[in-house]
C-alpha cells in the first residue's frame, strides 16, 4: 500500500519528482540549474569575490583513486558517475578536497575559500529556491536552522563554520559517517517511505501533495539525514546559510520562501540575518 501511495504522490506532484532527479545531475543539461557562482543581481553593485570558481577544490589527491576515478571538472555538478560509489563521502574530505569536489561541484568549497557562506547561499538561490523551495523550506525548518540564534551567525564566517562543525560532530554524526555521495537520495526516499507507511490517510496525502508537498518528502529523520549528508560532503554551514537567505519561519510556525517573508531582499536575504 505504501508504494502505491508513493506512486500516487509523484503523479499528483510531478515537479517534486523532477526536483529529485535534477538535484543529482540526472536531467538533461537544458533542465539543470547552474549553481556555480552567485548571480550578479544578488551582489552589491561593484562587489566581486577575490577567489575564482573552482579555487575551493585543489588538485585531487591521487590516493582517492582507490575509491573511484575523479570528476572531469569541479564546476557545475557535471559528474554523474557517483551512483555506484558506496564509499562514505566523508572519506573524500582530505588535503584541500571534499565530497563536494568529488561530485564535481565547487560552490561550497569556493564559499569557504572566499570566507563567506553567502557565496553559496546566493549561488544556490534564488533560482533554485523558486524551483525547490516548497521542499527545502521544510528541510531547513525541521532542522531548526531558521531560528534567530542561527540566523544571526550567517554573516560571521568563523562563527557559522564553528556551528556547522559542532552540529556535524553531535546532532548529525551518525549520518555523516556512513552516507555516500548520493546520500541525499537515501534521505529523501526515507522521508517518503516514512510518510507512506499507512500513518496518513489517502485523503491527507492528497491534501498535503497539493498544499504542502515538502512535508511528504521531509520528516525530521529525513531532514537530519540530509543535513548529515552535507556534513559528509565537507561542510554543513553552506546549507545553513542558504536556508537563512531564502527561507523564514513565520509567526504561525509555517515556513516562507523569499518574497513570502516580510523584508526579504535578493542582495541581503532575510531580515533575521541582519538583526543585532
Protein backbone atom coordinates (compact mmCIF):
# COMPACT_ATOMS: atom_id res chain seq x y z
CA UNK A 1 0.00 0.00 0.00
CA UNK A 2 2.81 2.39 0.88
CA UNK A 3 4.43 2.04 -2.55
CA UNK A 4 1.09 2.65 -4.27
CA UNK A 5 0.59 5.84 -2.29
CA UNK A 6 4.13 6.93 -3.10
CA UNK A 7 3.48 6.46 -6.82
CA UNK A 8 0.22 8.38 -6.47
CA UNK A 9 2.08 11.24 -4.79
CA UNK A 10 4.61 11.50 -7.63
CA UNK A 11 1.75 11.57 -10.12
CA UNK A 12 -0.08 14.27 -8.17
CA UNK A 13 3.04 16.34 -7.72
CA UNK A 14 5.34 15.56 -10.67
CA UNK A 15 7.52 18.66 -10.19
CA UNK A 16 8.88 17.10 -6.99
CA UNK A 17 9.98 14.06 -8.98
CA UNK A 18 11.75 16.41 -11.38
CA UNK A 19 13.44 18.15 -8.46
CA UNK A 20 14.63 14.84 -7.05
CA UNK A 21 16.28 13.99 -10.35
CA UNK A 22 17.75 17.39 -11.14
CA UNK A 23 19.29 17.64 -7.70
CA UNK A 24 21.52 14.72 -8.56
CA UNK A 25 22.51 15.71 -12.08
CA UNK A 26 20.25 13.19 -13.83
CA UNK A 27 18.25 15.55 -16.01
CA UNK A 28 19.40 16.85 -19.35
CA UNK A 29 21.76 19.80 -19.43
CA UNK A 30 18.96 22.09 -20.62
CA UNK A 31 16.94 21.36 -17.47
CA UNK A 32 19.79 21.58 -14.95
CA UNK A 33 20.40 24.61 -12.78
CA UNK A 34 23.84 26.22 -12.98
CA UNK A 35 24.50 26.70 -9.23
CA UNK A 36 28.09 27.68 -9.98
CA UNK A 37 28.51 31.27 -8.72
CA UNK A 38 26.29 33.91 -7.10
CA UNK A 39 24.16 35.78 -9.62
CA UNK A 40 25.34 39.31 -10.25
CA UNK A 41 21.92 40.65 -9.26
CA UNK A 42 22.41 39.19 -5.77
CA UNK A 43 25.60 41.18 -5.10
CA UNK A 44 26.13 44.79 -4.11
CA UNK A 45 26.99 47.00 -7.14
CA UNK A 46 30.69 46.80 -7.84
CA UNK A 47 31.33 43.92 -5.46
CA UNK A 48 33.20 40.82 -6.61
CA UNK A 49 34.77 37.85 -4.85
CA UNK A 50 38.54 37.51 -4.84
CA UNK A 51 38.82 33.77 -5.44
CA UNK A 52 37.92 32.27 -8.84
CA UNK A 53 35.47 29.48 -9.49
CA UNK A 54 36.99 26.13 -8.56
CA UNK A 55 39.51 27.58 -6.11
CA UNK A 56 37.99 25.57 -3.28
CA UNK A 57 38.86 22.27 -4.94
CA UNK A 58 42.61 21.96 -5.30
CA UNK A 59 44.30 19.16 -7.17
CA UNK A 60 42.62 15.86 -6.35
CA UNK A 61 44.82 13.66 -4.13
CA UNK A 62 45.96 10.59 -6.02
CA UNK A 63 45.21 8.37 -3.04
CA UNK A 64 41.49 8.81 -3.72
CA UNK A 65 41.82 6.75 -6.90
CA UNK A 66 41.44 3.66 -4.72
CA UNK A 67 37.77 4.59 -4.37
CA UNK A 68 36.92 5.81 -7.87
CA UNK A 69 38.16 7.97 -10.71
CA UNK A 70 37.59 11.66 -10.08
CA UNK A 71 35.24 14.11 -11.80
CA UNK A 72 36.14 15.62 -15.16
CA UNK A 73 35.63 19.10 -13.71
CA UNK A 74 34.74 20.65 -10.36
CA UNK A 75 32.47 23.33 -11.83
CA UNK A 76 28.75 22.74 -12.12
CA UNK A 77 27.68 19.29 -10.87
CA UNK A 78 28.87 17.59 -14.03
CA UNK A 79 29.90 14.24 -12.59
CA UNK A 80 27.09 11.69 -12.97
CA UNK A 81 29.12 8.59 -12.12
CA UNK A 82 28.57 8.71 -8.35
CA UNK A 83 25.55 6.38 -8.25
CA UNK A 84 27.57 3.19 -7.93
CA UNK A 85 30.09 4.53 -5.43
CA UNK A 86 29.45 3.08 -1.98
CA UNK A 87 32.39 4.87 -0.35
CA UNK A 88 31.33 7.02 2.63
CA UNK A 89 31.51 10.58 1.34
CA UNK A 90 33.44 11.67 4.41
CA UNK A 91 36.46 9.74 3.08
CA UNK A 92 36.91 12.33 0.35
CA UNK A 93 37.50 15.20 2.79
CA UNK A 94 41.28 15.36 2.68
CA UNK A 95 44.03 17.79 1.63
CA UNK A 96 42.04 20.58 0.04
CA UNK A 97 39.48 18.19 -1.44
CA UNK A 98 35.99 17.20 -0.28
CA UNK A 99 32.87 15.25 -1.10
CA UNK A 100 31.57 18.36 -2.85
CA UNK A 101 34.67 18.41 -5.04
CA UNK A 102 34.30 14.70 -5.75
CA UNK A 103 30.77 15.37 -7.02
CA UNK A 104 32.18 17.95 -9.43
CA UNK A 105 30.59 20.86 -7.56
CA UNK A 106 32.88 23.52 -6.14
CA UNK A 107 30.23 26.03 -4.97
CA UNK A 108 30.50 25.29 -1.24
CA UNK A 109 34.29 24.83 -1.24
CA UNK A 110 34.55 28.12 -3.14
CA UNK A 111 32.44 29.80 -0.46
CA UNK A 112 34.91 28.55 2.14
CA UNK A 113 38.00 29.91 0.39
CA UNK A 114 36.17 33.24 -0.03
CA UNK A 115 35.30 33.07 3.68
CA UNK A 116 31.68 33.93 3.00
CA UNK A 117 28.93 31.33 3.16
CA UNK A 118 26.59 33.75 1.43
CA UNK A 119 28.58 32.95 -1.72
CA UNK A 120 26.96 29.52 -1.61
CA UNK A 121 23.56 30.81 -0.48
CA UNK A 122 23.32 33.18 -3.42
CA UNK A 123 24.82 30.65 -5.82
CA UNK A 124 22.07 28.15 -4.98
CA UNK A 125 19.23 30.65 -4.71
CA UNK A 126 17.08 32.42 -5.60
CA UNK A 127 16.79 30.40 -8.82
CA UNK A 128 16.89 27.06 -7.01
CA UNK A 129 14.67 28.28 -4.19
CA UNK A 130 11.93 29.09 -6.71
CA UNK A 131 12.20 25.58 -8.14
CA UNK A 132 12.56 23.58 -4.93
CA UNK A 133 11.61 25.92 -2.10
CA UNK A 134 8.41 24.01 -1.38
CA UNK A 135 10.64 21.12 -0.27
CA UNK A 136 13.75 22.87 1.01
CA UNK A 137 11.87 25.16 3.39
CA UNK A 138 10.70 22.07 5.27
CA UNK A 139 14.24 20.67 5.36
CA UNK A 140 15.55 23.95 6.77
CA UNK A 141 12.73 24.35 9.28
CA UNK A 142 12.78 20.81 10.65
CA UNK A 143 16.50 21.12 11.32
CA UNK A 144 15.85 24.21 13.43
CA UNK A 145 18.08 26.46 11.32
CA UNK A 146 15.56 29.26 10.83
CA UNK A 147 15.70 30.35 14.46
CA UNK A 148 17.12 33.81 15.28
CA UNK A 149 20.17 32.45 17.12
CA UNK A 150 21.26 30.64 13.94
CA UNK A 151 20.28 33.38 11.50
CA UNK A 152 22.44 35.98 13.20
CA UNK A 153 25.55 33.83 12.63
CA UNK A 154 25.30 33.76 8.83
CA UNK A 155 27.38 36.87 8.16
CA UNK A 156 30.01 35.79 10.67
CA UNK A 157 32.01 33.22 8.70
CA UNK A 158 34.02 31.90 11.65
CA UNK A 159 31.01 31.59 13.95
CA UNK A 160 28.84 29.86 11.36
CA UNK A 161 31.63 27.49 10.41
CA UNK A 162 32.07 26.56 14.07
CA UNK A 163 28.32 26.00 14.48
CA UNK A 164 28.21 23.72 11.47
CA UNK A 165 31.17 21.71 12.69
CA UNK A 166 29.60 21.37 16.12
CA UNK A 167 26.33 20.05 14.67
CA UNK A 168 28.18 17.61 12.41
CA UNK A 169 30.04 16.17 15.40
CA UNK A 170 26.91 15.83 17.54
CA UNK A 171 23.39 16.03 16.12
CA UNK A 172 24.18 14.61 12.68
CA UNK A 173 27.26 12.50 13.36
CA UNK A 174 25.66 9.09 12.86
CA UNK A 175 24.57 10.01 9.35
CA UNK A 176 27.73 11.89 8.37
CA UNK A 177 29.86 8.81 9.00
CA UNK A 178 28.03 6.49 6.61
CA UNK A 179 26.23 8.38 3.82
CA UNK A 180 27.72 8.19 0.33
CA UNK A 181 27.93 10.86 -2.37
CA UNK A 182 24.33 10.04 -3.28
CA UNK A 183 23.17 10.07 0.33
CA UNK A 184 20.56 12.72 -0.37
CA UNK A 185 18.66 10.11 -2.36
CA UNK A 186 18.62 7.88 0.72
CA UNK A 187 17.39 10.73 2.92
CA UNK A 188 14.56 11.79 0.65
CA UNK A 189 13.43 8.23 -0.02
CA UNK A 190 13.47 7.59 3.73
CA UNK A 191 11.20 10.56 4.28
CA UNK A 192 8.82 9.44 1.55
CA UNK A 193 8.75 5.89 2.89
CA UNK A 194 8.08 7.10 6.44
CA UNK A 195 5.15 9.16 5.21
CA UNK A 196 3.65 6.36 3.14
CA UNK A 197 3.60 3.58 5.73
CA UNK A 198 -0.07 3.95 6.45
CA UNK A 199 0.19 6.61 9.14
CA UNK A 200 -1.54 9.11 6.86
CA UNK A 201 -4.85 8.55 5.12
CA UNK A 202 -5.18 8.78 1.35
CA UNK A 203 -7.16 11.99 1.77
CA UNK A 204 -4.41 13.53 3.90
CA UNK A 205 -1.74 12.54 1.41
CA UNK A 206 -3.66 14.08 -1.47
CA UNK A 207 -4.24 17.26 0.54
CA UNK A 208 -0.57 17.60 1.51
CA UNK A 209 0.60 16.78 -2.02
CA UNK A 210 -1.40 19.75 -3.25
CA UNK A 211 -0.82 22.20 -0.41
CA UNK A 212 2.47 21.36 1.33
CA UNK A 213 4.28 18.58 -0.59
CA UNK A 214 7.58 19.18 1.16
CA UNK A 215 6.21 17.53 4.28
CA UNK A 216 5.69 14.32 2.34
CA UNK A 217 9.38 14.21 1.46
CA UNK A 218 10.88 15.50 4.68
CA UNK A 219 10.05 14.30 8.14
CA UNK A 220 12.50 15.02 10.96
CA UNK A 221 14.59 11.91 10.31
CA UNK A 222 14.95 12.65 6.59
CA UNK A 223 15.84 16.28 7.34
CA UNK A 224 18.55 15.16 9.76
CA UNK A 225 19.88 12.64 7.25
CA UNK A 226 20.11 15.34 4.59
CA UNK A 227 22.00 17.56 6.99
CA UNK A 228 24.33 14.67 7.77
CA UNK A 229 24.90 14.23 4.05
CA UNK A 230 26.14 17.82 3.83
CA UNK A 231 28.42 17.14 6.78
CA UNK A 232 29.78 14.12 4.94
CA UNK A 233 30.41 16.20 1.82
CA UNK A 234 32.60 18.54 3.84
CA UNK A 235 30.59 21.47 5.21
CA UNK A 236 27.13 21.91 6.71
CA UNK A 237 27.36 25.68 7.12
CA UNK A 238 26.80 26.28 3.41
CA UNK A 239 23.28 24.88 3.64
CA UNK A 240 22.58 26.73 6.89
CA UNK A 241 23.44 29.98 5.13
CA UNK A 242 21.29 29.07 2.13
CA UNK A 243 18.35 28.27 4.39
CA UNK A 244 18.53 31.62 6.14
CA UNK A 245 19.00 33.52 2.90
CA UNK A 246 15.94 32.05 1.16
CA UNK A 247 13.50 30.90 3.88
CA UNK A 248 11.89 32.10 7.08
CA UNK A 249 9.81 30.76 9.94
CA UNK A 250 6.57 32.71 10.26
CA UNK A 251 4.71 33.61 13.41
CA UNK A 252 2.21 30.78 12.92
CA UNK A 253 5.00 28.20 12.67
CA UNK A 254 4.79 27.79 8.89
CA UNK A 255 7.73 28.43 6.59
CA UNK A 256 8.00 31.00 3.83
CA UNK A 257 10.06 31.28 0.66
CA UNK A 258 11.77 34.56 -0.22
CA UNK A 259 9.05 37.14 -1.06
CA UNK A 260 6.60 35.28 1.20
CA UNK A 261 8.75 36.53 4.08
CA UNK A 262 8.47 40.15 5.20
CA UNK A 263 11.59 42.15 4.43
CA UNK A 264 13.34 39.61 2.20
CA UNK A 265 15.84 41.16 -0.20
CA UNK A 266 17.70 39.48 -3.08
CA UNK A 267 21.01 41.04 -2.05
CA UNK A 268 20.73 40.93 1.74
CA UNK A 269 18.44 37.93 2.29
CA UNK A 270 16.21 37.69 5.35
CA UNK A 271 15.97 40.46 7.96
CA UNK A 272 16.76 37.90 10.69
CA UNK A 273 20.33 37.66 9.38
CA UNK A 274 20.76 41.40 9.81
CA UNK A 275 19.42 41.56 13.37
CA UNK A 276 21.94 42.50 16.04
